């Protein structure tokens, strides 16, 4: 069922996102609007260390007002490949540079209102090689055994959608 765009207007343009309002015509002829958050594509990373632990990061998220436990993730810079973004984000968030990067798939973060697509990767064989970034201050690196992951999800200790999706993909197909 296709929706035809009648008009489109950017009503907010920010550093990280734009807000677009599209006037659309539905398949049955009804005219209405859609509010769409434009956000560049990102990478999400399941990082497995030499001890077979999954490295996650704990960081404060202002939008929800609390610290969340997440897999490393971040934006793809203009002109950067997803694989290069994986390497940069890992170095910035964990201080580790992966020597093995494998694509696991990908998914839309919130397709009901947002354009963001997350490229999911598995990394391993990591060496210490930190890269400093101003927005990664206060990140705590948290290693977890694979057998702890489902309990962390079920208990709500992991409540970030990209982290849940990424870890479940890894646990079910990425091994």
N, C-alpha and C. Protein backbone atom coordinates (compact mmCIF):
# COMPACT_ATOMS: atom_id res chain seq x y z
N UNK A 1 0.84 -1.17 0.00
CA UNK A 1 0.00 0.00 0.00
C UNK A 1 0.89 1.24 0.00
N UNK A 2 0.92 1.94 -1.09
CA UNK A 2 1.81 3.08 -1.27
C UNK A 2 1.14 4.38 -0.87
N UNK A 3 1.93 5.29 -0.33
CA UNK A 3 1.46 6.63 -0.03
C UNK A 3 2.20 7.59 -0.95
N UNK A 4 1.48 8.47 -1.60
CA UNK A 4 2.07 9.43 -2.51
C UNK A 4 2.32 10.75 -1.79
N UNK A 5 3.53 11.27 -1.91
CA UNK A 5 3.87 12.54 -1.27
C UNK A 5 3.32 13.68 -2.12
N UNK A 6 2.50 14.53 -1.48
CA UNK A 6 1.93 15.70 -2.13
C UNK A 6 2.86 16.89 -1.96
N UNK A 7 3.41 17.05 -0.74
CA UNK A 7 4.37 18.11 -0.47
C UNK A 7 5.22 17.69 0.72
N UNK A 8 6.37 18.36 0.87
CA UNK A 8 7.29 18.03 1.93
C UNK A 8 7.95 19.31 2.41
N UNK A 9 8.06 19.48 3.75
CA UNK A 9 8.66 20.68 4.30
C UNK A 9 9.53 20.32 5.51
N UNK A 10 10.76 20.82 5.53
CA UNK A 10 11.64 20.68 6.70
C UNK A 10 11.20 21.77 7.68
N UNK A 11 10.70 21.36 8.87
CA UNK A 11 10.23 22.34 9.85
C UNK A 11 11.26 22.58 10.95
N UNK A 12 12.26 21.71 11.03
CA UNK A 12 13.35 21.90 11.97
C UNK A 12 14.59 21.26 11.38
N UNK A 13 15.71 21.96 11.47
CA UNK A 13 16.98 21.42 11.00
C UNK A 13 17.99 21.58 12.13
N UNK A 14 18.49 20.46 12.64
CA UNK A 14 19.42 20.49 13.76
C UNK A 14 20.74 19.83 13.44
N UNK A 15 21.60 19.76 14.46
CA UNK A 15 22.91 19.14 14.28
C UNK A 15 22.79 17.64 14.02
N UNK A 16 21.90 16.97 14.73
CA UNK A 16 21.79 15.52 14.63
C UNK A 16 20.60 15.05 13.81
N UNK A 17 19.53 15.84 13.79
CA UNK A 17 18.31 15.41 13.09
C UNK A 17 17.64 16.59 12.39
N UNK A 18 16.82 16.25 11.41
CA UNK A 18 15.89 17.18 10.80
C UNK A 18 14.49 16.63 11.04
N UNK A 19 13.51 17.52 11.13
CA UNK A 19 12.12 17.09 11.22
C UNK A 19 11.42 17.57 9.95
N UNK A 20 10.86 16.61 9.24
CA UNK A 20 10.18 16.87 7.97
C UNK A 20 8.70 16.53 8.14
N UNK A 21 7.85 17.38 7.60
CA UNK A 21 6.41 17.08 7.58
C UNK A 21 6.02 16.87 6.12
N UNK A 22 5.57 15.66 5.82
CA UNK A 22 5.11 15.32 4.48
C UNK A 22 3.59 15.32 4.46
N UNK A 23 3.01 15.97 3.48
CA UNK A 23 1.58 15.83 3.22
C UNK A 23 1.48 14.69 2.21
N UNK A 24 0.70 13.70 2.55
CA UNK A 24 0.61 12.51 1.69
C UNK A 24 -0.85 12.21 1.32
N UNK A 25 -0.97 11.44 0.26
CA UNK A 25 -2.28 10.91 -0.13
C UNK A 25 -2.20 9.41 -0.02
N UNK A 26 -3.12 8.85 0.77
CA UNK A 26 -3.13 7.41 0.98
C UNK A 26 -3.73 6.70 -0.23
N UNK A 27 -3.62 5.40 -0.26
CA UNK A 27 -4.13 4.61 -1.38
C UNK A 27 -5.63 4.78 -1.57
N UNK A 28 -6.35 5.06 -0.48
CA UNK A 28 -7.81 5.25 -0.59
C UNK A 28 -8.20 6.71 -0.88
N UNK A 29 -7.17 7.58 -1.14
CA UNK A 29 -7.44 8.96 -1.53
C UNK A 29 -7.45 9.97 -0.40
N UNK A 30 -7.32 9.53 0.82
CA UNK A 30 -7.32 10.44 1.97
C UNK A 30 -6.02 11.23 2.00
N UNK A 31 -6.09 12.52 2.35
CA UNK A 31 -4.91 13.36 2.47
C UNK A 31 -4.65 13.60 3.97
N UNK A 32 -3.40 13.38 4.38
CA UNK A 32 -3.00 13.55 5.78
C UNK A 32 -1.52 13.90 5.84
N UNK A 33 -0.97 13.98 7.03
CA UNK A 33 0.45 14.31 7.15
C UNK A 33 1.22 13.21 7.87
N UNK A 34 2.51 13.19 7.62
CA UNK A 34 3.44 12.30 8.31
C UNK A 34 4.59 13.16 8.81
N UNK A 35 4.90 13.03 10.10
CA UNK A 35 6.07 13.71 10.68
C UNK A 35 7.23 12.72 10.67
N UNK A 36 8.30 13.11 10.03
CA UNK A 36 9.42 12.19 9.82
C UNK A 36 10.71 12.80 10.34
N UNK A 37 11.39 12.07 11.22
CA UNK A 37 12.70 12.48 11.71
C UNK A 37 13.74 11.93 10.73
N UNK A 38 14.49 12.84 10.13
CA UNK A 38 15.56 12.44 9.23
C UNK A 38 16.84 12.31 10.07
N UNK A 39 17.40 11.13 10.05
CA UNK A 39 18.63 10.87 10.80
C UNK A 39 19.52 10.01 9.93
N UNK A 40 20.81 10.35 9.83
CA UNK A 40 21.71 9.55 8.99
C UNK A 40 21.83 8.10 9.48
N UNK A 41 22.28 7.25 8.59
CA UNK A 41 22.51 5.85 8.95
C UNK A 41 23.60 5.75 10.01
N UNK A 42 23.55 4.67 10.76
CA UNK A 42 24.48 4.43 11.87
C UNK A 42 24.99 3.00 11.82
N UNK A 43 25.95 2.73 12.70
CA UNK A 43 26.44 1.37 12.90
C UNK A 43 26.15 0.95 14.33
N UNK A 44 25.92 -0.33 14.52
CA UNK A 44 25.77 -0.94 15.84
C UNK A 44 26.69 -2.16 15.85
N UNK A 45 27.38 -2.36 16.98
CA UNK A 45 28.48 -3.32 16.99
C UNK A 45 28.37 -4.30 18.15
N UNK A 46 28.35 -5.58 17.83
CA UNK A 46 28.51 -6.62 18.84
C UNK A 46 30.00 -6.93 18.88
N UNK A 47 30.64 -6.57 20.00
CA UNK A 47 32.08 -6.72 20.14
C UNK A 47 32.39 -7.89 21.07
N UNK A 48 33.13 -8.88 20.58
CA UNK A 48 33.48 -10.06 21.36
C UNK A 48 34.99 -10.05 21.60
N UNK A 49 35.37 -10.03 22.90
CA UNK A 49 36.79 -9.95 23.23
C UNK A 49 37.46 -11.32 23.21
N UNK A 50 38.74 -11.36 23.53
CA UNK A 50 39.53 -12.59 23.49
C UNK A 50 39.05 -13.63 24.50
N UNK A 51 38.33 -13.20 25.53
CA UNK A 51 37.78 -14.13 26.54
C UNK A 51 36.35 -14.54 26.23
N UNK A 52 35.88 -14.22 25.02
CA UNK A 52 34.53 -14.54 24.56
C UNK A 52 33.45 -13.76 25.31
N UNK A 53 33.83 -12.62 25.89
CA UNK A 53 32.85 -11.72 26.52
C UNK A 53 32.35 -10.73 25.48
N UNK A 54 31.11 -10.30 25.66
CA UNK A 54 30.53 -9.25 24.82
C UNK A 54 30.76 -7.93 25.53
N UNK A 55 31.40 -6.99 24.84
CA UNK A 55 31.68 -5.67 25.41
C UNK A 55 30.49 -4.75 25.16
N UNK A 56 29.96 -4.19 26.23
CA UNK A 56 28.90 -3.20 26.11
C UNK A 56 29.37 -1.93 26.80
N UNK A 57 28.64 -0.87 26.58
CA UNK A 57 28.96 0.41 27.19
C UNK A 57 27.76 0.90 28.00
N UNK A 58 28.07 1.47 29.15
CA UNK A 58 27.03 2.10 29.97
C UNK A 58 27.24 3.60 29.85
N UNK A 59 26.15 4.29 29.44
CA UNK A 59 26.26 5.73 29.29
C UNK A 59 24.93 6.41 29.58
N UNK A 60 25.02 7.65 30.04
CA UNK A 60 23.83 8.43 30.35
C UNK A 60 23.18 8.90 29.06
N UNK A 61 21.85 8.74 28.99
CA UNK A 61 21.08 9.20 27.84
C UNK A 61 20.07 10.24 28.31
N UNK A 62 20.29 11.48 27.95
CA UNK A 62 19.44 12.59 28.39
C UNK A 62 17.99 12.38 28.00
N UNK A 63 17.75 11.83 26.80
CA UNK A 63 16.37 11.68 26.32
C UNK A 63 15.50 10.81 27.24
N UNK A 64 16.11 9.85 27.93
CA UNK A 64 15.34 9.00 28.86
C UNK A 64 15.71 9.26 30.31
N UNK A 65 16.69 10.13 30.53
CA UNK A 65 17.06 10.54 31.87
C UNK A 65 17.72 9.49 32.73
N UNK A 66 18.43 8.56 32.10
CA UNK A 66 19.13 7.54 32.89
C UNK A 66 20.25 6.91 32.07
N UNK A 67 21.08 6.14 32.78
CA UNK A 67 22.14 5.39 32.11
C UNK A 67 21.54 4.14 31.46
N UNK A 68 22.02 3.83 30.28
CA UNK A 68 21.59 2.62 29.58
C UNK A 68 22.80 1.75 29.27
N UNK A 69 22.56 0.47 29.23
CA UNK A 69 23.57 -0.51 28.84
C UNK A 69 23.33 -0.81 27.36
N UNK A 70 24.35 -0.53 26.53
CA UNK A 70 24.18 -0.63 25.08
C UNK A 70 25.38 -1.28 24.42
N UNK A 71 25.17 -1.79 23.22
CA UNK A 71 26.30 -2.18 22.40
C UNK A 71 26.88 -0.89 21.81
N UNK A 72 28.18 -0.87 21.50
CA UNK A 72 28.76 0.34 20.89
C UNK A 72 28.03 0.66 19.58
N UNK A 73 27.84 1.94 19.34
CA UNK A 73 27.12 2.37 18.14
C UNK A 73 27.41 3.84 17.87
N UNK A 74 27.11 4.26 16.66
CA UNK A 74 27.27 5.67 16.34
C UNK A 74 27.05 5.94 14.87
N UNK A 75 27.11 7.21 14.54
CA UNK A 75 26.82 7.66 13.19
C UNK A 75 27.94 7.36 12.20
N UNK A 76 27.53 7.27 10.96
CA UNK A 76 28.46 7.13 9.84
C UNK A 76 28.70 8.54 9.31
N UNK A 77 29.95 8.97 9.35
CA UNK A 77 30.29 10.32 8.89
C UNK A 77 30.18 10.40 7.37
N UNK A 78 29.92 11.60 6.83
CA UNK A 78 29.87 11.75 5.37
C UNK A 78 31.17 11.25 4.72
N UNK A 79 31.02 10.42 3.70
CA UNK A 79 32.16 9.85 3.00
C UNK A 79 32.79 8.64 3.66
N UNK A 80 32.28 8.25 4.81
CA UNK A 80 32.84 7.13 5.57
C UNK A 80 32.05 5.86 5.24
N UNK A 81 32.74 4.74 5.11
CA UNK A 81 32.05 3.47 4.92
C UNK A 81 31.53 2.98 6.27
N UNK A 82 30.52 2.12 6.29
CA UNK A 82 30.08 1.56 7.56
C UNK A 82 31.20 0.85 8.31
N UNK A 83 32.06 0.14 7.61
CA UNK A 83 33.16 -0.57 8.25
C UNK A 83 34.14 0.40 8.91
N UNK A 84 34.44 1.52 8.25
CA UNK A 84 35.31 2.53 8.84
C UNK A 84 34.64 3.16 10.06
N UNK A 85 33.32 3.34 10.01
CA UNK A 85 32.58 3.87 11.16
C UNK A 85 32.64 2.89 12.33
N UNK A 86 32.55 1.60 12.04
CA UNK A 86 32.66 0.58 13.10
C UNK A 86 34.01 0.71 13.79
N UNK A 87 35.06 0.78 13.02
CA UNK A 87 36.41 0.88 13.60
C UNK A 87 36.55 2.15 14.43
N UNK A 88 36.10 3.29 13.91
CA UNK A 88 36.20 4.56 14.63
C UNK A 88 35.38 4.54 15.91
N UNK A 89 34.13 4.09 15.82
CA UNK A 89 33.27 4.05 17.01
C UNK A 89 33.82 3.13 18.09
N UNK A 90 34.36 1.98 17.69
CA UNK A 90 34.96 1.07 18.66
C UNK A 90 36.15 1.72 19.36
N UNK A 91 36.99 2.39 18.61
CA UNK A 91 38.14 3.06 19.20
C UNK A 91 37.71 4.18 20.13
N UNK A 92 36.69 4.94 19.73
CA UNK A 92 36.21 6.05 20.56
C UNK A 92 35.51 5.56 21.83
N UNK A 93 34.65 4.56 21.71
CA UNK A 93 33.81 4.14 22.84
C UNK A 93 34.47 3.10 23.74
N UNK A 94 35.33 2.26 23.19
CA UNK A 94 35.92 1.18 23.99
C UNK A 94 37.43 1.23 24.06
N UNK A 95 38.06 2.03 23.21
CA UNK A 95 39.52 2.06 23.15
C UNK A 95 40.11 0.87 22.41
N UNK A 96 39.26 0.06 21.80
CA UNK A 96 39.70 -1.15 21.08
C UNK A 96 39.54 -0.96 19.58
N UNK A 97 40.53 -1.42 18.85
CA UNK A 97 40.46 -1.42 17.39
C UNK A 97 40.27 -2.86 16.92
N UNK A 98 39.16 -3.13 16.25
CA UNK A 98 38.92 -4.50 15.79
C UNK A 98 39.75 -4.82 14.55
N UNK A 99 40.28 -6.04 14.52
CA UNK A 99 40.99 -6.49 13.34
C UNK A 99 40.13 -7.43 12.51
N UNK A 100 38.99 -7.82 13.07
CA UNK A 100 38.02 -8.65 12.34
C UNK A 100 36.66 -7.98 12.44
N UNK A 101 36.07 -7.65 11.28
CA UNK A 101 34.76 -6.98 11.20
C UNK A 101 33.89 -7.78 10.24
N UNK A 102 32.74 -8.25 10.73
CA UNK A 102 31.84 -9.08 9.93
C UNK A 102 30.44 -8.48 9.97
N UNK A 103 29.83 -8.29 8.81
CA UNK A 103 28.47 -7.75 8.72
C UNK A 103 27.48 -8.83 9.15
N UNK A 104 26.58 -8.47 10.09
CA UNK A 104 25.54 -9.39 10.55
C UNK A 104 24.18 -9.09 9.94
N UNK A 105 24.02 -7.90 9.38
CA UNK A 105 22.73 -7.50 8.83
C UNK A 105 22.46 -6.04 9.14
N UNK A 106 21.19 -5.72 9.34
CA UNK A 106 20.83 -4.35 9.66
C UNK A 106 19.33 -4.22 9.85
N UNK A 107 18.91 -3.05 10.34
CA UNK A 107 17.49 -2.83 10.63
C UNK A 107 17.23 -1.34 10.81
N UNK A 108 15.97 -0.95 10.62
CA UNK A 108 15.54 0.42 10.90
C UNK A 108 15.29 0.55 12.39
N UNK A 109 15.72 1.69 12.97
CA UNK A 109 15.57 1.87 14.42
C UNK A 109 14.11 2.11 14.81
N UNK A 110 13.42 2.97 14.12
CA UNK A 110 12.02 3.32 14.43
C UNK A 110 11.31 3.73 13.15
N UNK A 111 10.99 2.78 12.28
CA UNK A 111 10.49 3.12 10.95
C UNK A 111 9.12 3.81 10.92
N UNK A 112 8.44 3.88 12.03
CA UNK A 112 7.17 4.59 12.07
C UNK A 112 7.32 6.09 11.92
N UNK A 113 8.53 6.61 12.25
CA UNK A 113 8.72 8.05 12.15
C UNK A 113 10.15 8.48 11.85
N UNK A 114 11.08 7.54 11.70
CA UNK A 114 12.50 7.91 11.56
C UNK A 114 13.14 7.18 10.39
N UNK A 115 14.06 7.86 9.69
CA UNK A 115 14.73 7.27 8.53
C UNK A 115 15.98 6.47 8.89
N UNK A 116 16.43 6.53 10.14
CA UNK A 116 17.70 5.90 10.55
C UNK A 116 17.72 4.39 10.29
N UNK A 117 18.78 3.95 9.61
CA UNK A 117 19.04 2.53 9.38
C UNK A 117 20.33 2.19 10.10
N UNK A 118 20.31 1.09 10.85
CA UNK A 118 21.49 0.65 11.60
C UNK A 118 22.12 -0.55 10.91
N UNK A 119 23.39 -0.42 10.57
CA UNK A 119 24.17 -1.51 9.99
C UNK A 119 24.76 -2.27 11.17
N UNK A 120 24.46 -3.56 11.28
CA UNK A 120 24.90 -4.36 12.42
C UNK A 120 26.14 -5.17 12.06
N UNK A 121 27.15 -5.08 12.94
CA UNK A 121 28.42 -5.77 12.73
C UNK A 121 28.84 -6.55 13.97
N UNK A 122 29.62 -7.59 13.72
CA UNK A 122 30.30 -8.36 14.75
C UNK A 122 31.78 -8.04 14.61
N UNK A 123 32.43 -7.69 15.73
CA UNK A 123 33.87 -7.46 15.69
C UNK A 123 34.56 -8.34 16.72
N UNK A 124 35.81 -8.68 16.42
CA UNK A 124 36.63 -9.48 17.34
C UNK A 124 38.09 -9.22 17.01
N UNK A 125 38.97 -9.96 17.66
CA UNK A 125 40.41 -9.81 17.46
C UNK A 125 40.81 -8.34 17.61
N UNK A 126 40.58 -7.81 18.81
CA UNK A 126 40.77 -6.38 19.06
C UNK A 126 42.10 -6.09 19.75
N UNK A 127 42.66 -4.94 19.40
CA UNK A 127 43.88 -4.46 20.05
C UNK A 127 43.58 -3.11 20.70
N UNK A 128 44.35 -2.75 21.70
CA UNK A 128 44.19 -1.43 22.33
C UNK A 128 44.68 -0.37 21.36
N UNK A 129 43.82 0.59 21.05
CA UNK A 129 44.17 1.71 20.18
C UNK A 129 43.09 2.78 20.32
N UNK A 130 43.05 3.46 21.50
CA UNK A 130 41.98 4.43 21.75
C UNK A 130 42.03 5.64 20.82
N UNK A 131 40.85 6.19 20.59
CA UNK A 131 40.69 7.42 19.82
C UNK A 131 39.78 8.31 20.65
N UNK A 132 40.25 9.48 21.01
CA UNK A 132 39.50 10.37 21.90
C UNK A 132 38.43 11.13 21.11
N UNK A 133 37.23 11.18 21.69
CA UNK A 133 36.12 11.95 21.13
C UNK A 133 35.40 12.64 22.28
N UNK A 134 34.97 13.87 22.07
CA UNK A 134 34.40 14.64 23.18
C UNK A 134 33.09 14.07 23.71
N UNK A 135 32.31 13.41 22.88
CA UNK A 135 31.00 12.92 23.34
C UNK A 135 31.07 11.52 23.94
N UNK A 136 32.26 11.00 24.17
CA UNK A 136 32.37 9.67 24.76
C UNK A 136 32.89 9.71 26.19
N UNK A 137 33.01 10.90 26.76
CA UNK A 137 33.43 11.01 28.16
C UNK A 137 32.34 10.40 29.04
N UNK A 138 32.74 9.70 30.07
CA UNK A 138 31.77 9.11 30.99
C UNK A 138 31.23 7.76 30.57
N UNK A 139 31.72 7.21 29.48
CA UNK A 139 31.28 5.87 29.05
C UNK A 139 32.04 4.83 29.86
N UNK A 140 31.30 3.88 30.40
CA UNK A 140 31.90 2.77 31.15
C UNK A 140 31.81 1.51 30.30
N UNK A 141 32.93 0.81 30.13
CA UNK A 141 32.95 -0.43 29.36
C UNK A 141 32.57 -1.58 30.29
N UNK A 142 31.60 -2.40 29.84
CA UNK A 142 31.07 -3.49 30.66
C UNK A 142 31.11 -4.80 29.88
N UNK A 143 32.00 -5.73 30.25
CA UNK A 143 32.01 -7.04 29.58
C UNK A 143 30.99 -7.98 30.22
N UNK A 144 30.31 -8.76 29.38
CA UNK A 144 29.34 -9.75 29.87
C UNK A 144 29.55 -11.07 29.13
N UNK A 145 29.37 -12.16 29.85
CA UNK A 145 29.40 -13.48 29.22
C UNK A 145 28.14 -13.66 28.36
N UNK A 146 28.27 -14.44 27.31
CA UNK A 146 27.13 -14.70 26.43
C UNK A 146 25.94 -15.25 27.19
N UNK A 147 26.20 -16.13 28.17
CA UNK A 147 25.09 -16.75 28.89
C UNK A 147 24.36 -15.78 29.83
N UNK A 148 24.86 -14.57 29.99
CA UNK A 148 24.19 -13.55 30.81
C UNK A 148 23.22 -12.68 30.02
N UNK A 149 23.37 -12.66 28.72
CA UNK A 149 22.68 -11.68 27.87
C UNK A 149 21.15 -11.81 27.93
N UNK A 150 20.63 -13.02 27.75
CA UNK A 150 19.17 -13.16 27.74
C UNK A 150 18.55 -12.77 29.07
N UNK A 151 19.24 -13.05 30.18
CA UNK A 151 18.74 -12.65 31.50
C UNK A 151 18.75 -11.13 31.64
N UNK A 152 19.79 -10.47 31.12
CA UNK A 152 19.86 -9.01 31.17
C UNK A 152 18.74 -8.37 30.35
N UNK A 153 18.40 -8.97 29.23
CA UNK A 153 17.29 -8.47 28.41
C UNK A 153 15.96 -8.72 29.11
N UNK A 154 15.75 -9.94 29.58
CA UNK A 154 14.48 -10.29 30.22
C UNK A 154 14.22 -9.48 31.49
N UNK A 155 15.28 -9.13 32.21
CA UNK A 155 15.11 -8.38 33.45
C UNK A 155 14.95 -6.87 33.22
N UNK A 156 15.14 -6.42 31.98
CA UNK A 156 15.04 -5.00 31.68
C UNK A 156 16.32 -4.23 31.90
N UNK A 157 17.39 -4.90 32.30
CA UNK A 157 18.67 -4.21 32.47
C UNK A 157 19.23 -3.74 31.13
N UNK A 158 18.90 -4.47 30.08
CA UNK A 158 19.15 -4.01 28.71
C UNK A 158 17.78 -3.66 28.15
N UNK A 159 17.57 -2.36 27.87
CA UNK A 159 16.25 -1.92 27.40
C UNK A 159 16.35 -1.04 26.16
N UNK A 160 17.49 -1.02 25.52
CA UNK A 160 17.73 -0.27 24.30
C UNK A 160 17.45 -1.17 23.10
N UNK A 161 16.61 -0.72 22.18
CA UNK A 161 16.16 -1.59 21.09
C UNK A 161 17.28 -2.06 20.18
N UNK A 162 18.24 -1.18 19.84
CA UNK A 162 19.32 -1.62 18.94
C UNK A 162 20.19 -2.67 19.61
N UNK A 163 20.34 -2.54 20.94
CA UNK A 163 21.15 -3.49 21.69
C UNK A 163 20.45 -4.83 21.76
N UNK A 164 19.16 -4.82 22.05
CA UNK A 164 18.40 -6.06 22.10
C UNK A 164 18.42 -6.74 20.73
N UNK A 165 18.12 -5.99 19.68
CA UNK A 165 18.10 -6.57 18.34
C UNK A 165 19.48 -7.10 17.95
N UNK A 166 20.51 -6.30 18.17
CA UNK A 166 21.86 -6.72 17.79
C UNK A 166 22.31 -7.96 18.52
N UNK A 167 22.07 -8.00 19.82
CA UNK A 167 22.49 -9.16 20.61
C UNK A 167 21.71 -10.41 20.24
N UNK A 168 20.41 -10.27 20.02
CA UNK A 168 19.62 -11.45 19.63
C UNK A 168 20.01 -11.97 18.26
N UNK A 169 20.31 -11.08 17.33
CA UNK A 169 20.82 -11.52 16.02
C UNK A 169 22.11 -12.29 16.23
N UNK A 170 23.03 -11.74 17.00
CA UNK A 170 24.30 -12.40 17.23
C UNK A 170 24.09 -13.76 17.89
N UNK A 171 23.31 -13.81 18.96
CA UNK A 171 23.12 -15.06 19.67
C UNK A 171 22.44 -16.13 18.83
N UNK A 172 21.63 -15.72 17.86
CA UNK A 172 20.89 -16.68 17.05
C UNK A 172 21.53 -17.00 15.70
N UNK A 173 22.26 -16.06 15.11
CA UNK A 173 22.84 -16.36 13.79
C UNK A 173 24.30 -15.96 13.65
N UNK A 174 24.82 -15.15 14.55
CA UNK A 174 26.13 -14.58 14.33
C UNK A 174 27.30 -15.34 14.89
N UNK A 175 27.07 -16.46 15.55
CA UNK A 175 28.16 -17.17 16.22
C UNK A 175 29.13 -17.81 15.27
